[in-house]
Structures are given as C-alpha cells and as structure tokens.
C-alpha cells in the first residue's frame, strides 16, 4: 500500500492569523490591504475583509427571504498575502523569536517590532 495522508494532521504552518492586517501581493486586488476574517488551514487560504469580492446567486431562505445576488468575500491563497507593517506602511516578512519570559512571538523583519 502507498502512503496515505492523515486528515487529522493536515494542519500546515501559516504566517497569517485571524485579525492580521495583510497586503495583497498578486491578483485582481493587488496592492490593497485588509483584515483577515478567517484562515482556512486545510486549503492554505484566507478570507480578507472587503477584498476578492464575488457575486453569488442565492435562493430565498429563512435567513435571506428575498434571495437574489449577494456579494461576499472569496478566499485568497496565503502565498498571495504578506503581513502589513503599520509602522513602516509597507508589507513585510515575519520572523519568530522567544522572549526571556519563554513566550514565542512573531516580529516584523522590516521594522523589528512585535506583531500582536
């Protein structure tokens, strides 16, 4: 038998977390910034607030009684996202370091400041 990927352990490391401000590197929204709403780890994608908007036709339901065409965010592959450095006002790569207290934090490679 060949090797099979275990579905329980398909979590990959991400440089993007929910709540981060990100810069779009490529695609139709290239150059824009937005806040990450949700990270889809199994698919290596993220939802960014008010970016990569798509139109979906929706059937009437109890939550949406009128139905019609609804605009919502579509996911973006995380390779097209960079963390946005608020102090430098530019996109940056991130690094990891351990503080003297033993806490592991992310920091901006551009400015050296911690990312909250």
Protein backbone atom coordinates (compact mmCIF):
# COMPACT_ATOMS: atom_id res chain seq x y z
CA UNK A 1 0.00 0.00 0.00
CA UNK A 2 1.09 3.57 -0.66
CA UNK A 3 1.36 6.23 1.98
CA UNK A 4 -1.85 7.98 2.89
CA UNK A 5 -2.11 11.50 4.26
CA UNK A 6 -3.75 11.56 7.67
CA UNK A 7 -6.66 14.03 7.55
CA UNK A 8 -6.32 14.82 11.26
CA UNK A 9 -2.77 16.12 10.85
CA UNK A 10 -3.15 18.21 7.69
CA UNK A 11 -2.52 21.49 9.52
CA UNK A 12 0.23 23.47 7.83
CA UNK A 13 2.16 26.35 9.34
CA UNK A 14 0.73 29.73 8.43
CA UNK A 15 2.36 33.14 8.51
CA UNK A 16 -1.10 34.73 8.60
CA UNK A 17 -3.53 34.66 11.53
CA UNK A 18 -7.09 35.87 12.06
CA UNK A 19 -7.11 39.60 12.79
CA UNK A 20 -3.82 40.37 10.98
CA UNK A 21 -3.66 43.26 8.53
CA UNK A 22 -2.38 41.89 5.23
CA UNK A 23 -1.17 43.27 1.89
CA UNK A 24 -2.32 41.57 -1.35
CA UNK A 25 0.76 40.69 -3.44
CA UNK A 26 -1.00 39.49 -6.61
CA UNK A 27 -4.41 39.09 -8.17
CA UNK A 28 -7.22 41.50 -9.00
CA UNK A 29 -6.86 43.30 -5.64
CA UNK A 30 -3.05 43.65 -5.85
CA UNK A 31 -1.71 46.49 -3.68
CA UNK A 32 -4.70 46.66 -1.33
CA UNK A 33 -4.71 45.95 2.39
CA UNK A 34 -7.34 44.37 4.60
CA UNK A 35 -8.02 42.47 7.81
CA UNK A 36 -8.05 38.65 7.84
CA UNK A 37 -11.51 37.37 8.81
CA UNK A 38 -10.84 33.63 8.68
CA UNK A 39 -7.94 31.29 7.88
CA UNK A 40 -8.75 28.04 6.06
CA UNK A 41 -5.75 25.94 7.10
CA UNK A 42 -6.69 22.76 5.25
CA UNK A 43 -6.88 24.67 1.94
CA UNK A 44 -4.00 27.16 2.58
CA UNK A 45 -6.35 30.07 2.02
CA UNK A 46 -7.71 33.07 3.93
CA UNK A 47 -10.74 35.38 3.79
CA UNK A 48 -9.83 39.08 3.79
CA UNK A 49 -12.38 41.74 4.70
CA UNK A 50 -13.89 43.51 1.64
CA UNK A 51 -11.31 42.07 -0.77
CA UNK A 52 -11.66 39.49 -3.57
CA UNK A 53 -15.41 40.13 -3.66
CA UNK A 54 -17.52 37.77 -5.79
CA UNK A 55 -21.22 37.68 -6.65
CA UNK A 56 -23.25 34.62 -5.72
CA UNK A 57 -26.83 33.85 -6.68
CA UNK A 58 -28.73 32.88 -3.55
CA UNK A 59 -32.04 31.09 -3.29
CA UNK A 60 -34.55 32.58 -0.82
CA UNK A 61 -34.26 31.09 2.68
CA UNK A 62 -35.34 31.95 6.22
CA UNK A 63 -32.18 33.99 6.81
CA UNK A 64 -32.42 35.74 3.41
CA UNK A 65 -36.14 35.78 2.43
CA UNK A 66 -35.68 37.81 -0.75
CA UNK A 67 -32.75 35.83 -2.19
CA UNK A 68 -31.08 37.43 -5.22
CA UNK A 69 -27.45 38.26 -5.99
CA UNK A 70 -25.24 38.56 -2.90
CA UNK A 71 -21.69 39.94 -2.86
CA UNK A 72 -19.29 38.24 -0.46
CA UNK A 73 -15.58 37.66 0.11
CA UNK A 74 -13.88 34.75 -1.64
CA UNK A 75 -10.78 33.11 -0.20
CA UNK A 76 -7.26 34.09 -1.32
CA UNK A 77 -4.28 31.73 -1.30
CA UNK A 78 -1.91 32.65 1.54
CA UNK A 79 1.07 32.81 -0.84
CA UNK A 80 -0.55 35.98 -2.23
CA UNK A 81 -0.65 37.65 1.21
CA UNK A 82 2.03 39.46 3.21
CA UNK A 83 1.74 40.89 6.71
CA UNK A 84 1.39 44.69 6.54
CA UNK A 85 3.76 46.62 8.83
CA UNK A 86 1.81 49.53 10.36
CA UNK A 87 4.92 51.49 11.40
CA UNK A 88 6.68 51.32 8.02
CA UNK A 89 3.43 51.38 5.98
CA UNK A 90 4.82 48.58 3.79
CA UNK A 91 4.43 44.79 3.53
CA UNK A 92 6.95 42.73 5.49
CA UNK A 93 8.15 39.22 6.08
CA UNK A 94 7.84 37.85 9.60
CA UNK A 95 10.17 36.03 11.97
CA UNK A 96 9.69 34.16 15.22
CA UNK A 97 11.60 34.71 18.45
CA UNK A 98 11.34 33.59 22.05
CA UNK A 99 11.26 36.28 24.73
CA UNK A 100 13.08 35.97 28.06
CA UNK A 101 9.74 35.04 29.64
CA UNK A 102 9.57 31.98 27.38
CA UNK A 103 6.76 33.40 25.24
CA UNK A 104 7.07 32.84 21.48
CA UNK A 105 6.17 35.91 19.40
CA UNK A 106 6.12 36.96 15.75
CA UNK A 107 8.05 40.07 14.68
CA UNK A 108 8.35 42.21 11.57
CA UNK A 109 11.60 41.68 9.65
CA UNK A 110 11.30 45.22 8.25
CA UNK A 111 10.92 47.22 11.48
CA UNK A 112 11.79 44.60 14.12
CA UNK A 113 8.60 45.28 16.09
CA UNK A 114 6.38 42.55 17.55
CA UNK A 115 3.20 41.62 15.70
CA UNK A 116 0.22 41.43 18.02
